[in-house]
Structure formats: structure tokens, C-alpha cells
């Protein structure tokens, strides 16, 4: 498991320096098969990532020329390429949100697999339309899949700050939890994912992503991936261990989750 702490004073602006650091990190992680989960956190309790660097409006050509994520579609702008690189990482990516994430910061979060927010401290917004543009780092592409078309348009066109409780209710974050519980919730889930047998988390993610595009294709992809996992020794070993521990019995089935935790 890897933990990333974003620390770009004074407000964690998604500027060239931070984008470059994130791009280098993502490039290193793309081949790190021993790392299965990446948790993104912030050193600043008031800002996860404030937003993109507004000074790029004065030099759009220089911004467009930033050499980030060269393996991504070069017709996309550098922030889109960076977020696509993060979205396509083989690891499960989790955002741990305390403080504000607007614009490019919110889009960075939306590119991740999972997001958890502090109920008291976190809030998110896509305020770009109020500034005469549209979200330019993936928000228009990522949000509809998370919250639906109508709510995506409300977030983007309204430009208002969305508190953590509302973000949870509409699906922008997985859960909003009390700030004192956020570390435990995220770290526990990350550890559970990291402990899964090799290939399982990525197979589940690939199956879900395929199903988002097409239920029929998703079923076929899941069947293909399932066959591959059945061929791995972990599947047989864990099934036998579960049966030995009481699966298929009335008592065992009443506590199946705890039973599985005990054998893994």
C-alpha cells in the first residue's frame, strides 16, 4: 500500500509543480505490481487541492505544452492526461478528503476509484462555469458516471460548494464520516483491499468498468476474469479453508464475514 500526502503550500494549488510531481508518481506506480492500493491525503486540513492554477489563463499555449502523461491521448490537455493516467493506474486509488477540493482538485478526486470525506471539514465544487469556462480536467466526463447527468449539470452549471453529506447522498463520495473516524475508515478499507489475493481487485474493477459501458459486455468480461481467477491456487485454498471453518453450516453462515476475515 502507498500513501500520498499532497503538500504544496500555501493552498495545495494544482499548479505545474504539483502536476509534475503527481505525474512522476503515477508513472512510477504504473509498473509497481507489489503495490495494490494508493491512498491520497493532504498535509493541509483546510485544502485537499484548492483548484487548478488560474494563471494558466494568461499563458494557455505554455500550459498546453506541458509534457505530462505522454502515453495518454495527446489531443487532451495536460490536466486531463494526468487525471487519466491516475484513473488508469493498476492500483485501487482512494481519496481521503479533509478540507476543500474545487475545480481541478475535485476532478483529481473524481478520477480516483473511491472517495471518503470528513463530514465536518470536506466540501467540493466545480466552479469553472462561473469563471467563463467549463471544467477542464475531466469533470464533465467523470461526474455523470458518479452522480448522473442531471446532478452533474447542477454541480457544473450551479458552481456551488457541495458539502460532504450532500456529496455522499448524490454519489460524489462513497461516504462522509465524522472527521475523527475518517482515518480509520479509509485505512481499514485500504488494508482489506491490499490483502486480497493478487489480481482480484484489478479484476473486480475491470469487470465493473466494463459493465458501466454495457451490461452484456460486463457479464462477458466478468466471466472471462472469473475463469482466470479460478485457475489461481488462492481460490481453491480459500474455499477449502472457508468450508473447514464452518461455511455451509447454519452457524457459520450467520457470521460468514467474520469467518472469512479469520481465514484471510
C-alpha atoms as a PDB file:
ATOM      1  CA  UNK A   1       0.000   0.000   0.000  1.00  0.00           C
ATOM      2  CA  UNK A   2       1.222   3.524  -0.803  1.00  0.00           C
ATOM      3  CA  UNK A   3       0.220   6.747   0.946  1.00  0.00           C
ATOM      4  CA  UNK A   4       0.485  10.036  -0.933  1.00  0.00           C
ATOM      5  CA  UNK A   5       0.367  13.259   1.081  1.00  0.00           C
ATOM      6  CA  UNK A   6      -0.212  16.330  -1.072  1.00  0.00           C
ATOM      7  CA  UNK A   7       1.790  19.239   0.320  1.00  0.00           C
ATOM      8  CA  UNK A   8       2.024  22.312  -1.921  1.00  0.00           C
ATOM      9  CA  UNK A   9       1.740  25.441   0.274  1.00  0.00           C
ATOM     10  CA  UNK A  10       0.031  27.752   0.725  1.00  0.00           C
ATOM     11  CA  UNK A  11      -3.231  26.182  -0.549  1.00  0.00           C
ATOM     12  CA  UNK A  12      -2.282  22.963  -2.369  1.00  0.00           C
ATOM     13  CA  UNK A  13      -2.817  24.611  -5.742  1.00  0.00           C
ATOM     14  CA  UNK A  14      -2.822  22.182  -8.665  1.00  0.00           C
ATOM     15  CA  UNK A  15      -0.040  24.084 -10.394  1.00  0.00           C
ATOM     16  CA  UNK A  16       2.725  22.914 -12.701  1.00  0.00           C
ATOM     17  CA  UNK A  17       4.914  21.772  -9.817  1.00  0.00           C
ATOM     18  CA  UNK A  18       2.206  19.641  -8.188  1.00  0.00           C
ATOM     19  CA  UNK A  19       1.024  18.260 -11.521  1.00  0.00           C
ATOM     20  CA  UNK A  20       4.580  17.260 -12.385  1.00  0.00           C
ATOM     21  CA  UNK A  21       5.075  15.544  -9.023  1.00  0.00           C
ATOM     22  CA  UNK A  22       1.792  13.648  -9.362  1.00  0.00           C
ATOM     23  CA  UNK A  23       2.675  12.657 -12.913  1.00  0.00           C
ATOM     24  CA  UNK A  24       6.077  11.295 -11.856  1.00  0.00           C
ATOM     25  CA  UNK A  25       4.477   9.383  -9.017  1.00  0.00           C
ATOM     26  CA  UNK A  26       1.801   7.907 -11.275  1.00  0.00           C
ATOM     27  CA  UNK A  27       4.432   6.895 -13.811  1.00  0.00           C
ATOM     28  CA  UNK A  28       6.369   5.069 -11.094  1.00  0.00           C
ATOM     29  CA  UNK A  29       3.216   3.345  -9.820  1.00  0.00           C
ATOM     30  CA  UNK A  30       2.159   2.102 -13.253  1.00  0.00           C
ATOM     31  CA  UNK A  31       4.729  -0.690 -13.017  1.00  0.00           C
ATOM     32  CA  UNK A  32       4.692  -1.218  -9.238  1.00  0.00           C
ATOM     33  CA  UNK A  33       2.841  -4.528  -9.150  1.00  0.00           C
ATOM     34  CA  UNK A  34       3.691  -5.096  -5.481  1.00  0.00           C
ATOM     35  CA  UNK A  35       1.550  -2.083  -4.509  1.00  0.00           C
ATOM     36  CA  UNK A  36      -2.183  -2.717  -4.709  1.00  0.00           C
ATOM     37  CA  UNK A  37      -3.728   0.378  -3.091  1.00  0.00           C
ATOM     38  CA  UNK A  38      -2.841   4.083  -3.149  1.00  0.00           C
ATOM     39  CA  UNK A  39      -4.371   6.488  -0.626  1.00  0.00           C
ATOM     40  CA  UNK A  40      -4.215  10.199  -1.482  1.00  0.00           C
ATOM     41  CA  UNK A  41      -4.293  12.549   1.510  1.00  0.00           C
ATOM     42  CA  UNK A  42      -3.430  16.193   2.159  1.00  0.00           C
ATOM     43  CA  UNK A  43      -0.993  17.815   4.538  1.00  0.00           C
ATOM     44  CA  UNK A  44      -3.314  20.845   4.737  1.00  0.00           C
ATOM     45  CA  UNK A  45      -6.520  20.235   6.743  1.00  0.00           C
ATOM     46  CA  UNK A  46      -8.243  23.154   5.002  1.00  0.00           C
ATOM     47  CA  UNK A  47      -7.499  22.147   1.401  1.00  0.00           C
ATOM     48  CA  UNK A  48      -7.275  18.767  -0.286  1.00  0.00           C
ATOM     49  CA  UNK A  49      -6.377  20.503  -3.549  1.00  0.00           C
ATOM     50  CA  UNK A  50      -7.726  24.048  -3.861  1.00  0.00           C
ATOM     51  CA  UNK A  51      -8.187  24.022  -7.660  1.00  0.00           C
ATOM     52  CA  UNK A  52      -6.140  24.438 -10.831  1.00  0.00           C
ATOM     53  CA  UNK A  53      -3.720  27.286 -11.342  1.00  0.00           C
ATOM     54  CA  UNK A  54      -5.768  30.242 -12.644  1.00  0.00           C
ATOM     55  CA  UNK A  55      -2.677  31.961 -14.038  1.00  0.00           C
ATOM     56  CA  UNK A  56      -2.681  29.463 -16.916  1.00  0.00           C
ATOM     57  CA  UNK A  57      -5.397  31.647 -18.469  1.00  0.00           C
ATOM     58  CA  UNK A  58      -2.633  34.150 -19.259  1.00  0.00           C
ATOM     59  CA  UNK A  59      -0.450  31.539 -20.994  1.00  0.00           C
ATOM     60  CA  UNK A  60      -2.682  28.798 -22.435  1.00  0.00           C
ATOM     61  CA  UNK A  61      -0.082  27.740 -25.031  1.00  0.00           C
ATOM     62  CA  UNK A  62       2.570  27.142 -22.367  1.00  0.00           C
ATOM     63  CA  UNK A  63       0.065  25.146 -20.311  1.00  0.00           C
ATOM     64  CA  UNK A  64      -0.918  23.025 -23.307  1.00  0.00           C
ATOM     65  CA  UNK A  65       2.747  22.235 -23.956  1.00  0.00           C
ATOM     66  CA  UNK A  66       3.413  20.680 -20.537  1.00  0.00           C
ATOM     67  CA  UNK A  67       4.946  17.228 -21.185  1.00  0.00           C
ATOM     68  CA  UNK A  68       2.728  15.210 -18.841  1.00  0.00           C
ATOM     69  CA  UNK A  69       1.453  11.619 -19.277  1.00  0.00           C
ATOM     70  CA  UNK A  70       2.878  11.085 -22.767  1.00  0.00           C
ATOM     71  CA  UNK A  71       1.182   7.687 -23.088  1.00  0.00           C
ATOM     72  CA  UNK A  72      -2.258   9.319 -22.892  1.00  0.00           C
ATOM     73  CA  UNK A  73      -4.199  10.839 -25.788  1.00  0.00           C
ATOM     74  CA  UNK A  74      -2.189  13.911 -26.799  1.00  0.00           C
ATOM     75  CA  UNK A  75      -5.322  15.680 -28.020  1.00  0.00           C
ATOM     76  CA  UNK A  76      -6.235  16.078 -24.327  1.00  0.00           C
ATOM     77  CA  UNK A  77      -4.865  18.925 -22.235  1.00  0.00           C
ATOM     78  CA  UNK A  78      -2.177  18.167 -19.600  1.00  0.00           C
ATOM     79  CA  UNK A  79      -4.578  18.085 -16.634  1.00  0.00           C
ATOM     80  CA  UNK A  80      -6.849  15.631 -18.438  1.00  0.00           C
ATOM     81  CA  UNK A  81      -3.865  13.472 -19.352  1.00  0.00           C
ATOM     82  CA  UNK A  82      -2.641  13.496 -15.754  1.00  0.00           C
ATOM     83  CA  UNK A  83      -6.036  12.525 -14.375  1.00  0.00           C
ATOM     84  CA  UNK A  84      -6.438   9.821 -16.999  1.00  0.00           C
ATOM     85  CA  UNK A  85      -3.040   8.440 -16.004  1.00  0.00           C
ATOM     86  CA  UNK A  86      -4.214   8.307 -12.386  1.00  0.00           C
ATOM     87  CA  UNK A  87      -7.594   6.857 -13.368  1.00  0.00           C
ATOM     88  CA  UNK A  88      -5.915   4.058 -15.336  1.00  0.00           C
ATOM     89  CA  UNK A  89      -3.410   3.057 -12.647  1.00  0.00           C
ATOM     90  CA  UNK A  90      -3.432  -0.689 -11.887  1.00  0.00           C
ATOM     91  CA  UNK A  91      -3.812   0.044  -8.168  1.00  0.00           C
ATOM     92  CA  UNK A  92      -7.069   0.924  -6.418  1.00  0.00           C
ATOM     93  CA  UNK A  93      -6.922   4.666  -5.736  1.00  0.00           C
ATOM     94  CA  UNK A  94      -8.659   6.218  -2.718  1.00  0.00           C
ATOM     95  CA  UNK A  95      -9.075   9.892  -1.920  1.00  0.00           C
ATOM     96  CA  UNK A  96      -9.186  10.872   1.764  1.00  0.00           C
ATOM     97  CA  UNK A  97     -10.755  14.320   1.790  1.00  0.00           C
ATOM     98  CA  UNK A  98     -10.427  16.860   4.530  1.00  0.00           C
ATOM     99  CA  UNK A  99     -10.955  20.451   3.512  1.00  0.00           C
ATOM    100  CA  UNK A 100     -11.861  21.902   0.133  1.00  0.00           C
ATOM    101  CA  UNK A 101     -11.472  20.407  -3.332  1.00  0.00           C
ATOM    102  CA  UNK A 102     -12.627  22.665  -6.140  1.00  0.00           C
ATOM    103  CA  UNK A 103     -12.077  22.669  -9.882  1.00  0.00           C
ATOM    104  CA  UNK A 104      -9.058  20.562 -10.784  1.00  0.00           C
ATOM    105  CA  UNK A 105      -8.831  19.310  -7.204  1.00  0.00           C
ATOM    106  CA  UNK A 106     -12.363  17.929  -7.370  1.00  0.00           C
ATOM    107  CA  UNK A 107     -11.595  16.440 -10.791  1.00  0.00           C
ATOM    108  CA  UNK A 108      -8.490  14.746  -9.405  1.00  0.00           C
ATOM    109  CA  UNK A 109     -10.721  13.120  -6.790  1.00  0.00           C
ATOM    110  CA  UNK A 110     -13.318  12.147  -9.386  1.00  0.00           C
ATOM    111  CA  UNK A 111     -10.596  10.330 -11.350  1.00  0.00           C
ATOM    112  CA  UNK A 112      -9.907   8.063  -8.366  1.00  0.00           C
ATOM    113  CA  UNK A 113     -11.676   4.778  -7.729  1.00  0.00           C
ATOM    114  CA  UNK A 114     -13.027   5.676  -4.269  1.00  0.00           C
ATOM    115  CA  UNK A 115     -13.515   8.849  -2.218  1.00  0.00           C
ATOM    116  CA  UNK A 116     -14.171   9.305   1.508  1.00  0.00           C
ATOM    117  CA  UNK A 117     -14.830  12.671   3.112  1.00  0.00           C
ATOM    118  CA  UNK A 118     -14.729  14.305   6.516  1.00  0.00           C
ATOM    119  CA  UNK A 119     -18.303  15.157   7.434  1.00  0.00           C
ATOM    120  CA  UNK A 120     -17.286  18.354   9.203  1.00  0.00           C
ATOM    121  CA  UNK A 121     -14.414  19.600   7.026  1.00  0.00           C
ATOM    122  CA  UNK A 122     -14.766  18.422   3.418  1.00  0.00           C
ATOM    123  CA  UNK A 123     -16.576  20.133   0.543  1.00  0.00           C
ATOM    124  CA  UNK A 124     -16.249  20.012  -3.246  1.00  0.00           C
ATOM    125  CA  UNK A 125     -17.167  22.224  -6.191  1.00  0.00           C
ATOM    126  CA  UNK A 126     -16.849  22.696  -9.932  1.00  0.00           C
ATOM    127  CA  UNK A 127     -16.922  26.477 -10.148  1.00  0.00           C
ATOM    128  CA  UNK A 128     -15.434  26.894 -13.642  1.00  0.00           C
ATOM    129  CA  UNK A 129     -18.614  27.964 -15.445  1.00  0.00           C
ATOM    130  CA  UNK A 130     -18.887  30.931 -13.093  1.00  0.00           C
ATOM    131  CA  UNK A 131     -15.442  31.945 -14.339  1.00  0.00           C
ATOM    132  CA  UNK A 132     -16.334  31.740 -18.022  1.00  0.00           C
ATOM    133  CA  UNK A 133     -15.057  28.250 -18.847  1.00  0.00           C
ATOM    134  CA  UNK A 134     -16.101  24.645 -18.210  1.00  0.00           C
ATOM    135  CA  UNK A 135     -14.380  22.027 -16.053  1.00  0.00           C
ATOM    136  CA  UNK A 136     -11.220  21.294 -17.999  1.00  0.00           C
ATOM    137  CA  UNK A 137      -9.577  18.423 -16.144  1.00  0.00           C
ATOM    138  CA  UNK A 138     -12.122  15.663 -16.665  1.00  0.00           C
ATOM    139  CA  UNK A 139     -15.107  16.794 -14.606  1.00  0.00           C
ATOM    140  CA  UNK A 140     -17.590  16.763 -17.478  1.00  0.00           C
ATOM    141  CA  UNK A 141     -16.538  13.178 -18.282  1.00  0.00           C
ATOM    142  CA  UNK A 142     -16.207  11.782 -14.753  1.00  0.00           C
ATOM    143  CA  UNK A 143     -19.159  13.343 -12.923  1.00  0.00           C
ATOM    144  CA  UNK A 144     -22.056  11.869 -14.958  1.00  0.00           C
ATOM    145  CA  UNK A 145     -20.866   8.352 -14.151  1.00  0.00           C
ATOM    146  CA  UNK A 146     -20.719   9.191 -10.443  1.00  0.00           C
ATOM    147  CA  UNK A 147     -23.817  11.315  -9.867  1.00  0.00           C
ATOM    148  CA  UNK A 148     -25.881  11.056 -13.083  1.00  0.00           C
ATOM    149  CA  UNK A 149     -26.391  13.564 -15.892  1.00  0.00           C
ATOM    150  CA  UNK A 150     -28.833  15.931 -14.177  1.00  0.00           C
ATOM    151  CA  UNK A 151     -26.832  16.238 -10.959  1.00  0.00           C
ATOM    152  CA  UNK A 152     -23.594  16.617 -12.907  1.00  0.00           C
ATOM    153  CA  UNK A 153     -25.144  19.569 -14.739  1.00  0.00           C
ATOM    154  CA  UNK A 154     -26.389  21.031 -11.453  1.00  0.00           C
ATOM    155  CA  UNK A 155     -22.886  20.817  -9.953  1.00  0.00           C
ATOM    156  CA  UNK A 156     -21.183  22.219 -13.058  1.00  0.00           C
ATOM    157  CA  UNK A 157     -23.663  24.936 -14.035  1.00  0.00           C
ATOM    158  CA  UNK A 158     -24.549  25.969 -10.485  1.00  0.00           C
ATOM    159  CA  UNK A 159     -20.958  26.236  -9.330  1.00  0.00           C
ATOM    160  CA  UNK A 160     -21.922  25.925  -5.676  1.00  0.00           C
ATOM    161  CA  UNK A 161     -19.958  24.287  -2.892  1.00  0.00           C
ATOM    162  CA  UNK A 162     -21.250  20.765  -2.175  1.00  0.00           C
ATOM    163  CA  UNK A 163     -20.897  19.750   1.464  1.00  0.00           C
ATOM    164  CA  UNK A 164     -19.712  16.270   2.384  1.00  0.00           C
ATOM    165  CA  UNK A 165     -23.143  14.971   3.435  1.00  0.00           C
ATOM    166  CA  UNK A 166     -24.678  16.032   0.121  1.00  0.00           C
ATOM    167  CA  UNK A 167     -21.709  14.658  -1.819  1.00  0.00           C
ATOM    168  CA  UNK A 168     -22.314  11.288  -0.179  1.00  0.00           C
ATOM    169  CA  UNK A 169     -26.054  11.380  -0.849  1.00  0.00           C
ATOM    170  CA  UNK A 170     -25.610  12.061  -4.578  1.00  0.00           C
ATOM    171  CA  UNK A 171     -22.699   9.656  -5.022  1.00  0.00           C
ATOM    172  CA  UNK A 172     -19.779  12.055  -5.490  1.00  0.00           C
ATOM    173  CA  UNK A 173     -18.100  10.448  -2.477  1.00  0.00           C
ATOM    174  CA  UNK A 174     -18.572   6.918  -1.170  1.00  0.00           C
ATOM    175  CA  UNK A 175     -19.121   8.013   2.404  1.00  0.00           C
ATOM    176  CA  UNK A 176     -18.954  11.100   4.574  1.00  0.00           C
ATOM    177  CA  UNK A 177     -17.918  10.161   8.092  1.00  0.00           C
ATOM    178  CA  UNK A 178     -17.068  12.098  11.268  1.00  0.00           C
ATOM    179  CA  UNK A 179     -13.603  13.588  10.984  1.00  0.00           C
ATOM    180  CA  UNK A 180     -12.324  11.542  13.925  1.00  0.00           C
ATOM    181  CA  UNK A 181     -13.307   8.333  12.091  1.00  0.00           C
ATOM    182  CA  UNK A 182     -12.016   9.192   8.604  1.00  0.00           C
ATOM    183  CA  UNK A 183      -8.507   7.778   9.000  1.00  0.00           C
ATOM    184  CA  UNK A 184      -9.807   4.523  10.479  1.00  0.00           C
ATOM    185  CA  UNK A 185     -12.459   4.034   7.777  1.00  0.00           C
ATOM    186  CA  UNK A 186     -10.073   4.665   4.886  1.00  0.00           C
ATOM    187  CA  UNK A 187      -7.084   2.847   6.336  1.00  0.00           C
ATOM    188  CA  UNK A 188      -9.161  -0.215   7.253  1.00  0.00           C
ATOM    189  CA  UNK A 189     -10.658  -0.474   3.766  1.00  0.00           C
ATOM    190  CA  UNK A 190      -7.272   0.119   2.110  1.00  0.00           C
ATOM    191  CA  UNK A 191      -5.723  -2.651   4.207  1.00  0.00           C
ATOM    192  CA  UNK A 192      -8.547  -5.046   3.321  1.00  0.00           C
ATOM    193  CA  UNK A 193      -8.109  -4.342  -0.390  1.00  0.00           C
ATOM    194  CA  UNK A 194      -4.324  -4.653  -0.162  1.00  0.00           C
ATOM    195  CA  UNK A 195      -4.724  -8.066   1.487  1.00  0.00           C
ATOM    196  CA  UNK A 196      -6.818  -9.518  -1.349  1.00  0.00           C
ATOM    197  CA  UNK A 197      -5.182 -12.273  -3.412  1.00  0.00           C
ATOM    198  CA  UNK A 198      -3.140 -10.989  -6.362  1.00  0.00           C
ATOM    199  CA  UNK A 199      -5.227  -9.864  -9.307  1.00  0.00           C
ATOM    200  CA  UNK A 200      -8.587  -9.883  -7.536  1.00  0.00           C
ATOM    201  CA  UNK A 201      -9.021  -6.132  -7.001  1.00  0.00           C
ATOM    202  CA  UNK A 202      -7.978  -5.286 -10.544  1.00  0.00           C
ATOM    203  CA  UNK A 203     -10.271  -7.990 -11.977  1.00  0.00           C
ATOM    204  CA  UNK A 204     -13.235  -6.668  -9.987  1.00  0.00           C
ATOM    205  CA  UNK A 205     -12.529  -3.117 -11.116  1.00  0.00           C
ATOM    206  CA  UNK A 206     -12.163  -4.120 -14.758  1.00  0.00           C
ATOM    207  CA  UNK A 207     -15.426  -6.079 -14.633  1.00  0.00           C
ATOM    208  CA  UNK A 208     -17.309  -3.148 -13.090  1.00  0.00           C
ATOM    209  CA  UNK A 209     -15.823  -0.623 -15.536  1.00  0.00           C
ATOM    210  CA  UNK A 210     -16.822  -2.793 -18.486  1.00  0.00           C
ATOM    211  CA  UNK A 211     -20.356  -3.184 -17.130  1.00  0.00           C
ATOM    212  CA  UNK A 212     -20.740   0.604 -16.855  1.00  0.00           C
ATOM    213  CA  UNK A 213     -20.388   0.753 -20.639  1.00  0.00           C
ATOM    214  CA  UNK A 214     -22.547  -2.291 -21.376  1.00  0.00           C
ATOM    215  CA  UNK A 215     -24.232  -4.861 -19.139  1.00  0.00           C
ATOM    216  CA  UNK A 216     -23.790  -7.595 -21.733  1.00  0.00           C
ATOM    217  CA  UNK A 217     -20.097  -6.836 -22.234  1.00  0.00           C
ATOM    218  CA  UNK A 218     -19.711  -6.544 -18.475  1.00  0.00           C
ATOM    219  CA  UNK A 219     -21.086 -10.030 -17.929  1.00  0.00           C
ATOM    220  CA  UNK A 220     -18.795 -11.472 -20.563  1.00  0.00           C
ATOM    221  CA  UNK A 221     -15.771  -9.698 -19.122  1.00  0.00           C
ATOM    222  CA  UNK A 222     -16.634 -10.829 -15.590  1.00  0.00           C
ATOM    223  CA  UNK A 223     -16.986 -14.423 -16.780  1.00  0.00           C
ATOM    224  CA  UNK A 224     -13.603 -14.255 -18.511  1.00  0.00           C
ATOM    225  CA  UNK A 225     -11.913 -12.777 -15.445  1.00  0.00           C
ATOM    226  CA  UNK A 226     -13.642 -15.232 -13.114  1.00  0.00           C
ATOM    227  CA  UNK A 227     -12.318 -18.191 -15.085  1.00  0.00           C
ATOM    228  CA  UNK A 228      -8.806 -16.834 -14.779  1.00  0.00           C
ATOM    229  CA  UNK A 229      -9.110 -16.390 -11.009  1.00  0.00           C
ATOM    230  CA  UNK A 230     -10.484 -19.920 -10.564  1.00  0.00           C
ATOM    231  CA  UNK A 231      -7.250 -21.142 -12.113  1.00  0.00           C
ATOM    232  CA  UNK A 232      -5.227 -19.455  -9.362  1.00  0.00           C
ATOM    233  CA  UNK A 233      -4.355 -21.525  -6.256  1.00  0.00           C
ATOM    234  CA  UNK A 234      -5.778 -18.906  -3.896  1.00  0.00           C
ATOM    235  CA  UNK A 235      -9.358 -19.621  -4.977  1.00  0.00           C
ATOM    236  CA  UNK A 236      -9.200 -23.329  -4.112  1.00  0.00           C
ATOM    237  CA  UNK A 237      -7.233 -22.762  -0.922  1.00  0.00           C
ATOM    238  CA  UNK A 238      -9.602 -20.125   0.430  1.00  0.00           C
ATOM    239  CA  UNK A 239     -12.766 -22.023  -0.496  1.00  0.00           C
ATOM    240  CA  UNK A 240     -11.477 -25.114   1.324  1.00  0.00           C
ATOM    241  CA  UNK A 241     -10.468 -23.044   4.336  1.00  0.00           C
ATOM    242  CA  UNK A 242     -13.919 -21.419   4.469  1.00  0.00           C
ATOM    243  CA  UNK A 243     -15.626 -24.805   4.373  1.00  0.00           C
ATOM    244  CA  UNK A 244     -13.360 -26.115   7.118  1.00  0.00           C
ATOM    245  CA  UNK A 245     -14.141 -23.058   9.248  1.00  0.00           C
ATOM    246  CA  UNK A 246     -17.907 -23.570   9.019  1.00  0.00           C
ATOM    247  CA  UNK A 247     -19.204 -22.250   5.685  1.00  0.00           C
ATOM    248  CA  UNK A 248     -22.308 -24.147   4.509  1.00  0.00           C
ATOM    249  CA  UNK A 249     -23.374 -24.620   8.141  1.00  0.00           C
ATOM    250  CA  UNK A 250     -26.113 -22.599   9.828  1.00  0.00           C
ATOM    251  CA  UNK A 251     -23.788 -21.209  12.491  1.00  0.00           C
ATOM    252  CA  UNK A 252     -21.029 -20.434  10.015  1.00  0.00           C
ATOM    253  CA  UNK A 253     -23.331 -18.672   7.577  1.00  0.00           C
ATOM    254  CA  UNK A 254     -24.693 -16.415  10.319  1.00  0.00           C
ATOM    255  CA  UNK A 255     -21.167 -14.995  10.761  1.00  0.00           C
ATOM    256  CA  UNK A 256     -19.754 -15.556   7.293  1.00  0.00           C
ATOM    257  CA  UNK A 257     -17.970 -12.183   7.004  1.00  0.00           C
ATOM    258  CA  UNK A 258     -16.145 -12.731  10.291  1.00  0.00           C
ATOM    259  CA  UNK A 259     -15.391 -16.310   9.273  1.00  0.00           C
ATOM    260  CA  UNK A 260     -13.809 -15.112   6.014  1.00  0.00           C
ATOM    261  CA  UNK A 261     -11.816 -12.459   7.868  1.00  0.00           C
ATOM    262  CA  UNK A 262     -10.418 -15.166  10.139  1.00  0.00           C
ATOM    263  CA  UNK A 263      -9.053 -17.257   7.243  1.00  0.00           C
ATOM    264  CA  UNK A 264      -7.543 -14.422   5.183  1.00  0.00           C
END
